[in-house]
Amino acid sequence: MPKAVALYSGGLDSTLAILVMLKQGVDVTALTFLNHFGCDISDRSSCSKDPFAASVKFGFQVKLSHLSDKFLNIVKNPRYGHGKNMNPCIDCRLLMLKEAKEFMKLTSADFIITGEVLGQRPMSQRKNCFPMIDKAADLKGLVLRPLSAKFLPVTSPEEKGLVNRELLYGFTGRSRKPQIALAAEFGLTEYPAPAGGCLLTEPNYSYRLKDLLEHNAAPSHKDINFLRVGRHFRYSSDCKIAIGRDENENKTIKSLAEPDDCILKVQSHAGPLTIILGNVSDNAIALAASLCVRYSDARKLQSVPVTVTKGDKSYTLDAVPADNVIIEHYRIEKKKPVAAGK
């Protein structure tokens, strides 16, 4: 029986690529690479659907591998550049294929499959890009893209008769209608919303990441995890403030916080949990308290007591709600360009 390793995100395209191979009698092991910038599979609320429901329903095995620091390095210094935001799509694909090649050798698999669709992604899914990436990964002829195979050169598994090319597909472009129709044929009903997943394609998240890397060339996992949560304000080069936007984010901030972190909360009214990340100074605490009040139900009061907790010490200070000028000055957010004449 032919064996293949699949790059598996849990999304519609990668799942369909696997099902197409299973239908041809190929033994598929799905390989999911985790990083700091995708759907957090440990937190189902961060994903639109259970990304691995299909593996249970259709009976294929999923292996997890965290790329962690390797991926962060290519985000900081991508050989082939970033996309529209901070997404290093070509370098990302190349890294995953190289890792999959090692797993392919380890498991004595015959080839690799991906759910890539020709023309779907402007940076990495172009016809001239596929052979360049495969060659750079030392996988020339060994990467089969079942959903667009009929528009691509014949691969080694097709030449060897391991896969029937006539049963592959010729999907192109950004429309997901052909994939959705194929999913219905397979009985695939549970899959994440299309075009989601990678935070590096989101403008505001990318702006926060740029800000972090500009002030900290070697951020910790905690620093990166906090990029997902709340409103962010840069107080100084070594200090910023994160403020929860709802109860779920307050819980996330609490779960990510360490015992010695500085946490602020308006006790008399409903409002956000606020954390100071980095160097904590009296001035940073004063700003954080002011912002904390602004985003609470006490925002219209003149002065509000805020509880400040750091380690086993706690005290209260009075804070005035921050005004719009303060918010605009400190908030880490991509600003919309101002039209000429305004």
Protein backbone atom coordinates (compact mmCIF):
# COMPACT_ATOMS: atom_id res chain seq x y z
CA MET A 1 0.00 0.00 0.00
CA PRO A 2 1.39 3.45 -0.93
CA LYS A 3 2.17 5.72 2.03
CA ALA A 4 1.97 9.49 2.14
CA VAL A 5 2.60 12.25 4.65
CA ALA A 6 0.08 15.11 4.53
CA LEU A 7 0.59 18.69 5.60
CA TYR A 8 -2.58 19.10 7.65
CA SER A 9 -3.98 22.33 9.05
CA GLY A 10 -7.38 20.85 9.82
CA GLY A 11 -8.90 23.21 7.25
CA LEU A 12 -11.11 22.33 4.31
CA ASP A 13 -8.43 22.06 1.61
CA SER A 14 -5.92 19.96 3.55
CA THR A 15 -8.71 17.64 4.71
CA LEU A 16 -9.99 17.15 1.16
CA ALA A 17 -6.48 16.38 -0.09
CA ILE A 18 -6.28 13.57 2.47
CA LEU A 19 -9.74 12.20 1.61
CA VAL A 20 -8.87 12.14 -2.09
CA MET A 21 -5.81 10.03 -1.26
CA LEU A 22 -7.69 7.74 1.11
CA LYS A 23 -10.21 7.08 -1.66
CA GLN A 24 -7.31 5.84 -3.81
CA GLY A 25 -6.15 3.45 -1.09
CA VAL A 26 -3.17 5.51 0.07
CA ASP A 27 -2.16 5.15 3.71
CA VAL A 28 -1.99 8.77 4.93
CA THR A 29 -0.42 10.13 8.10
CA ALA A 30 -1.35 13.77 8.68
CA LEU A 31 1.30 16.06 10.10
CA THR A 32 0.16 19.25 11.83
CA PHE A 33 2.74 21.91 12.59
CA LEU A 34 1.95 24.19 15.49
CA ASN A 35 3.28 27.70 15.94
CA HIS A 36 2.42 30.82 17.92
CA PHE A 37 0.46 32.43 15.11
CA GLY A 38 -2.23 29.92 14.18
CA CYS A 39 -5.38 28.51 15.69
CA ASP A 40 -4.69 27.52 19.30
CA ILE A 41 -5.85 23.91 19.34
CA SER A 42 -5.61 23.84 23.14
CA ASP A 43 -8.32 26.53 23.22
CA ARG A 44 -11.31 25.48 21.12
CA SER A 45 -12.83 28.97 21.49
CA SER A 46 -10.03 30.31 19.27
CA CYS A 47 -11.03 28.00 16.39
CA SER A 48 -14.26 28.18 14.41
CA LYS A 49 -14.54 24.37 14.45
CA ASP A 50 -12.70 21.43 15.96
CA PRO A 51 -9.80 21.28 13.48
CA PHE A 52 -9.33 17.53 13.88
CA ALA A 53 -12.94 16.30 13.81
CA ALA A 54 -12.37 14.90 10.31
CA SER A 55 -9.48 12.70 11.45
CA VAL A 56 -11.82 10.97 13.89
CA LYS A 57 -14.67 10.63 11.40
CA PHE A 58 -12.56 9.33 8.50
CA GLY A 59 -9.99 7.39 10.49
CA PHE A 60 -6.61 8.88 9.65
CA GLN A 61 -3.80 9.54 12.12
CA VAL A 62 -2.62 13.02 13.05
CA LYS A 63 0.84 13.77 14.42
CA LEU A 64 1.65 17.13 16.04
CA SER A 65 4.94 18.99 15.80
CA HIS A 66 5.62 22.45 17.28
CA LEU A 67 7.88 24.55 15.07
CA SER A 68 8.16 27.20 17.80
CA ASP A 69 11.54 28.99 17.57
CA LYS A 70 12.21 27.82 14.00
CA PHE A 71 9.05 29.52 12.84
CA LEU A 72 9.69 32.70 14.82
CA ASN A 73 13.10 32.99 13.14
CA ILE A 74 11.61 32.95 9.66
CA VAL A 75 8.96 35.47 10.71
CA LYS A 76 11.74 37.83 11.80
CA ASN A 77 14.02 37.19 8.81
CA PRO A 78 12.22 35.52 5.88
CA ARG A 79 14.48 34.74 2.95
CA TYR A 80 11.63 35.24 0.50
CA GLY A 81 10.07 38.21 2.28
CA HIS A 82 6.73 38.91 3.91
CA GLY A 83 3.35 39.05 2.28
CA LYS A 84 0.99 41.99 2.74
CA ASN A 85 1.49 41.90 6.52
CA MET A 86 3.90 39.74 8.56
CA ASN A 87 3.17 36.45 6.80
CA PRO A 88 6.33 34.74 5.44
CA CYS A 89 4.26 32.39 3.27
CA ILE A 90 6.99 30.95 1.06
CA ASP A 91 9.46 30.46 3.91
CA CYS A 92 6.66 28.94 6.02
CA ARG A 93 5.78 26.41 3.34
CA LEU A 94 9.43 25.58 2.78
CA LEU A 95 10.02 25.00 6.49
CA MET A 96 7.02 22.68 6.77
CA LEU A 97 8.05 20.68 3.70
CA LYS A 98 11.57 20.22 5.05
CA GLU A 99 10.18 18.98 8.35
CA ALA A 100 7.72 16.71 6.52
CA LYS A 101 10.58 15.30 4.44
CA GLU A 102 12.32 14.14 7.61
CA PHE A 103 9.10 12.55 8.84
CA MET A 104 8.63 10.92 5.45
CA LYS A 105 12.08 9.32 5.75
CA LEU A 106 11.38 8.23 9.32
CA THR A 107 8.13 6.50 8.37
CA SER A 108 9.29 5.20 4.97
CA ALA A 109 6.51 7.09 3.20
CA ASP A 110 6.54 7.44 -0.57
CA PHE A 111 5.53 11.07 -1.05
CA ILE A 112 4.03 14.20 0.52
CA ILE A 113 0.61 15.73 -0.14
CA THR A 114 -0.70 19.22 0.54
CA GLY A 115 -4.08 20.91 0.20
CA GLU A 116 -2.67 23.82 -1.81
CA VAL A 117 -4.84 25.18 -4.59
CA LEU A 118 -3.31 26.93 -7.58
CA GLY A 119 -3.95 30.68 -7.43
CA GLN A 120 -5.62 30.68 -4.04
CA ARG A 121 -2.83 32.49 -2.19
CA PRO A 122 -1.10 35.31 -4.07
CA MET A 123 2.33 34.78 -2.54
CA SER A 124 2.95 31.06 -2.21
CA GLN A 125 0.37 29.27 -4.40
CA ARG A 126 1.45 30.37 -7.86
CA LYS A 127 2.32 27.92 -10.61
CA ASN A 128 5.94 29.06 -10.82
CA CYS A 129 6.25 29.01 -7.03
CA PHE A 130 5.43 25.35 -6.43
CA PRO A 131 8.45 23.86 -8.27
CA MET A 132 10.78 26.46 -6.72
CA ILE A 133 9.64 25.55 -3.19
CA ASP A 134 9.81 21.80 -3.88
CA LYS A 135 13.32 22.09 -5.27
CA ALA A 136 14.49 24.23 -2.33
CA ALA A 137 13.12 21.58 0.05
CA ASP A 138 14.91 18.84 -1.94
CA LEU A 139 11.53 17.28 -2.76
CA LYS A 140 11.37 17.71 -6.53
CA GLY A 141 8.59 15.49 -7.88
CA LEU A 142 7.63 14.21 -4.43
CA VAL A 143 4.97 16.78 -3.47
CA LEU A 144 1.50 15.97 -4.79
CA ARG A 145 -1.22 18.64 -4.66
CA PRO A 146 -4.37 16.56 -5.32
CA LEU A 147 -6.79 19.49 -5.60
CA SER A 148 -4.89 21.20 -8.45
CA ALA A 149 -2.87 18.28 -9.81
CA LYS A 150 -4.40 18.39 -13.31
CA PHE A 151 -2.93 21.87 -13.85
CA LEU A 152 0.49 20.92 -12.50
CA PRO A 153 3.34 18.71 -13.79
CA VAL A 154 3.10 14.96 -13.23
CA THR A 155 4.70 13.93 -9.94
CA SER A 156 6.74 10.86 -9.05
CA PRO A 157 3.88 8.97 -7.32
CA GLU A 158 1.76 9.45 -10.44
CA GLU A 159 4.56 8.24 -12.74
CA LYS A 160 5.07 5.15 -10.56
CA GLY A 161 1.37 4.32 -10.59
CA LEU A 162 0.94 4.86 -6.85
CA VAL A 163 -1.73 7.46 -7.61
CA ASN A 164 -4.24 7.64 -10.47
CA ARG A 165 -3.98 11.11 -12.00
CA GLU A 166 -7.44 10.79 -13.55
CA LEU A 167 -8.97 10.74 -10.06
CA LEU A 168 -7.25 13.97 -9.03
CA TYR A 169 -8.70 17.47 -9.46
CA GLY A 170 -8.11 20.75 -11.29
CA PHE A 171 -9.25 23.41 -8.85
CA THR A 172 -7.88 26.94 -9.29
CA GLY A 173 -8.50 30.40 -7.88
CA ARG A 174 -9.88 31.78 -4.64
CA SER A 175 -13.44 30.47 -4.84
CA ARG A 176 -14.17 27.68 -2.37
CA LYS A 177 -17.34 26.50 -4.11
CA PRO A 178 -15.67 23.47 -5.80
CA GLN A 179 -14.13 22.39 -2.48
CA ILE A 180 -17.42 22.81 -0.63
CA ALA A 181 -19.16 20.70 -3.27
CA LEU A 182 -16.46 18.02 -3.00
CA ALA A 183 -16.76 18.06 0.79
CA ALA A 184 -20.47 17.32 0.43
CA GLU A 185 -19.64 14.32 -1.79
CA PHE A 186 -17.31 12.94 0.86
CA GLY A 187 -19.75 13.64 3.69
CA LEU A 188 -17.36 16.15 5.22
CA THR A 189 -19.48 18.58 7.22
CA GLU A 190 -17.18 19.75 10.04
CA TYR A 191 -14.33 22.06 9.03
CA PRO A 192 -13.08 25.51 10.08
CA ALA A 193 -14.24 28.60 8.23
CA PRO A 194 -12.22 29.14 5.02
CA ALA A 195 -9.38 31.67 4.87
CA GLY A 196 -8.88 31.78 8.62
CA GLY A 197 -6.14 30.63 10.91
CA CYS A 198 -2.94 32.59 10.36
CA LEU A 199 -2.73 35.66 12.59
CA LEU A 200 0.21 36.96 10.56
CA THR A 201 -2.17 37.92 7.75
CA GLU A 202 -4.19 40.19 10.09
CA PRO A 203 -3.10 43.86 9.93
CA ASN A 204 -3.57 44.78 13.60
CA TYR A 205 -1.97 41.60 14.93
CA SER A 206 0.95 42.07 12.54
CA TYR A 207 1.35 45.66 13.70
CA ARG A 208 1.52 44.48 17.32
CA LEU A 209 4.09 41.86 16.41
CA LYS A 210 6.23 44.42 14.58
CA ASP A 211 6.06 46.65 17.64
CA LEU A 212 7.12 43.77 19.90
CA LEU A 213 10.07 42.79 17.70
CA GLU A 214 11.20 46.40 17.39
CA HIS A 215 11.48 46.64 21.18
CA ASN A 216 12.46 43.04 21.95
CA ALA A 217 14.51 41.02 19.46
CA ALA A 218 14.08 37.82 21.48
CA PRO A 219 10.52 37.81 22.86
CA SER A 220 9.41 35.08 25.22
CA HIS A 221 6.52 32.72 24.53
CA LYS A 222 4.55 34.73 27.06
CA ASP A 223 5.17 37.96 25.14
CA ILE A 224 3.90 36.37 21.94
CA ASN A 225 0.90 34.72 23.59
CA PHE A 226 -0.23 38.09 24.92
CA LEU A 227 -0.38 39.50 21.38
CA ARG A 228 -3.66 37.63 20.90
CA VAL A 229 -5.34 39.23 23.89
CA GLY A 230 -6.94 42.60 24.57
CA ARG A 231 -6.05 46.19 23.74
CA HIS A 232 -2.33 47.00 23.80
CA PHE A 233 -0.58 50.22 24.80
CA ARG A 234 3.16 50.96 24.52
CA TYR A 235 4.35 52.99 27.54
CA SER A 236 8.09 52.71 26.90
CA SER A 237 10.61 50.60 25.02
CA ASP A 238 10.57 48.01 27.83
CA CYS A 239 6.99 48.33 29.07
CA LYS A 240 3.52 47.93 27.64
CA ILE A 241 -0.01 47.50 28.97
CA ALA A 242 -2.65 44.96 27.91
CA ILE A 243 -6.34 45.41 28.75
CA GLY A 244 -9.04 42.76 28.42
CA ARG A 245 -11.98 43.51 26.13
CA ASP A 246 -14.46 41.07 27.66
CA GLU A 247 -14.80 38.45 30.36
CA ASN A 248 -13.15 35.74 28.27
CA GLU A 249 -10.11 37.93 27.66
CA ASN A 250 -9.97 38.80 31.37
CA LYS A 251 -9.78 35.06 32.06
CA THR A 252 -7.06 34.64 29.44
CA ILE A 253 -4.99 37.46 30.91
CA LYS A 254 -5.33 35.86 34.33
CA SER A 255 -4.23 32.48 32.97
CA LEU A 256 -1.20 33.93 31.16
CA ALA A 257 -0.10 36.16 34.04
CA GLU A 258 2.75 35.09 36.30
CA PRO A 259 2.71 35.52 40.11
CA ASP A 260 4.87 38.66 40.08
CA ASP A 261 3.02 40.43 37.27
CA CYS A 262 1.32 43.74 38.02
CA ILE A 263 -2.47 43.41 37.66
CA LEU A 264 -5.01 46.23 37.94
CA LYS A 265 -8.80 46.12 38.36
CA VAL A 266 -11.58 48.57 39.13
CA GLN A 267 -13.33 46.88 42.04
CA SER A 268 -16.44 49.05 42.32
CA HIS A 269 -17.63 48.62 38.71
CA ALA A 270 -17.53 46.00 35.98
CA GLY A 271 -14.48 46.36 33.79
CA PRO A 272 -11.32 44.90 32.35
CA LEU A 273 -8.40 43.12 33.89
CA THR A 274 -5.27 45.12 33.09
CA ILE A 275 -1.69 43.84 33.12
CA ILE A 276 1.64 45.64 32.83
CA LEU A 277 4.18 43.68 30.80
CA GLY A 278 7.86 44.48 31.23
CA ASN A 279 9.41 47.11 33.47
CA VAL A 280 6.87 48.31 36.05
CA SER A 281 7.30 51.91 37.22
CA ASP A 282 5.03 54.24 39.21
CA ASN A 283 4.27 56.23 36.05
CA ALA A 284 3.41 53.05 34.12
CA ILE A 285 1.05 52.01 36.94
CA ALA A 286 -0.61 55.44 36.87
CA LEU A 287 -1.19 55.18 33.11
CA ALA A 288 -2.45 51.60 33.38
CA ALA A 289 -4.88 52.60 36.12
CA SER A 290 -6.19 55.48 34.01
CA LEU A 291 -6.71 53.18 31.02
CA CYS A 292 -8.30 50.53 33.22
CA VAL A 293 -10.90 53.05 34.41
CA ARG A 294 -11.55 54.32 30.87
CA TYR A 295 -12.60 50.86 29.66
CA SER A 296 -14.71 50.10 32.75
CA ASP A 297 -18.31 51.01 33.57
CA ALA A 298 -16.87 53.81 35.72
CA ARG A 299 -15.53 55.69 32.68
CA LYS A 300 -17.81 58.72 33.22
CA LEU A 301 -16.78 59.30 36.85
CA GLN A 302 -14.18 61.89 37.73
CA SER A 303 -12.01 59.65 39.93
CA VAL A 304 -12.18 55.94 40.62
CA PRO A 305 -10.26 53.65 43.03
CA VAL A 306 -8.22 50.99 41.22
CA THR A 307 -6.72 47.97 42.97
CA VAL A 308 -3.11 47.22 42.03
CA THR A 309 -1.77 43.72 42.79
CA LYS A 310 1.81 42.57 42.37
CA GLY A 311 2.80 39.26 43.91
CA ASP A 312 1.38 39.05 47.43
CA LYS A 313 1.14 42.85 47.75
CA SER A 314 -1.95 44.87 46.95
CA TYR A 315 -2.97 48.51 47.29
CA THR A 316 -5.48 51.02 45.93
CA LEU A 317 -4.93 54.26 44.06
CA ASP A 318 -7.34 56.82 42.66
CA ALA A 319 -7.30 57.20 38.88
CA VAL A 320 -8.89 59.56 36.35
CA PRO A 321 -10.30 57.95 33.17
CA ALA A 322 -7.88 58.32 30.24
CA ASP A 323 -9.04 60.66 27.49
CA ASN A 324 -8.89 60.08 23.74
CA VAL A 325 -5.59 61.92 23.39
CA ILE A 326 -3.92 59.53 25.84
CA ILE A 327 -5.43 56.51 24.12
CA GLU A 328 -4.31 57.60 20.64
CA HIS A 329 -0.83 58.40 21.88
CA TYR A 330 -0.12 55.07 23.55
CA ARG A 331 -2.30 52.52 21.74
CA ILE A 332 -0.49 49.97 19.57
CA GLU A 333 -2.74 49.89 16.56
CA LYS A 334 -2.29 50.37 12.84
CA LYS A 335 -3.55 53.84 12.08
CA LYS A 336 -5.73 54.47 9.05
CA PRO A 337 -4.15 56.95 6.62
CA VAL A 338 -5.58 60.45 6.87
CA ALA A 339 -7.05 61.77 3.62
CA ALA A 340 -5.32 64.77 2.07
CA GLY A 341 -6.70 68.10 3.20
CA LYS A 342 -8.01 66.78 6.54
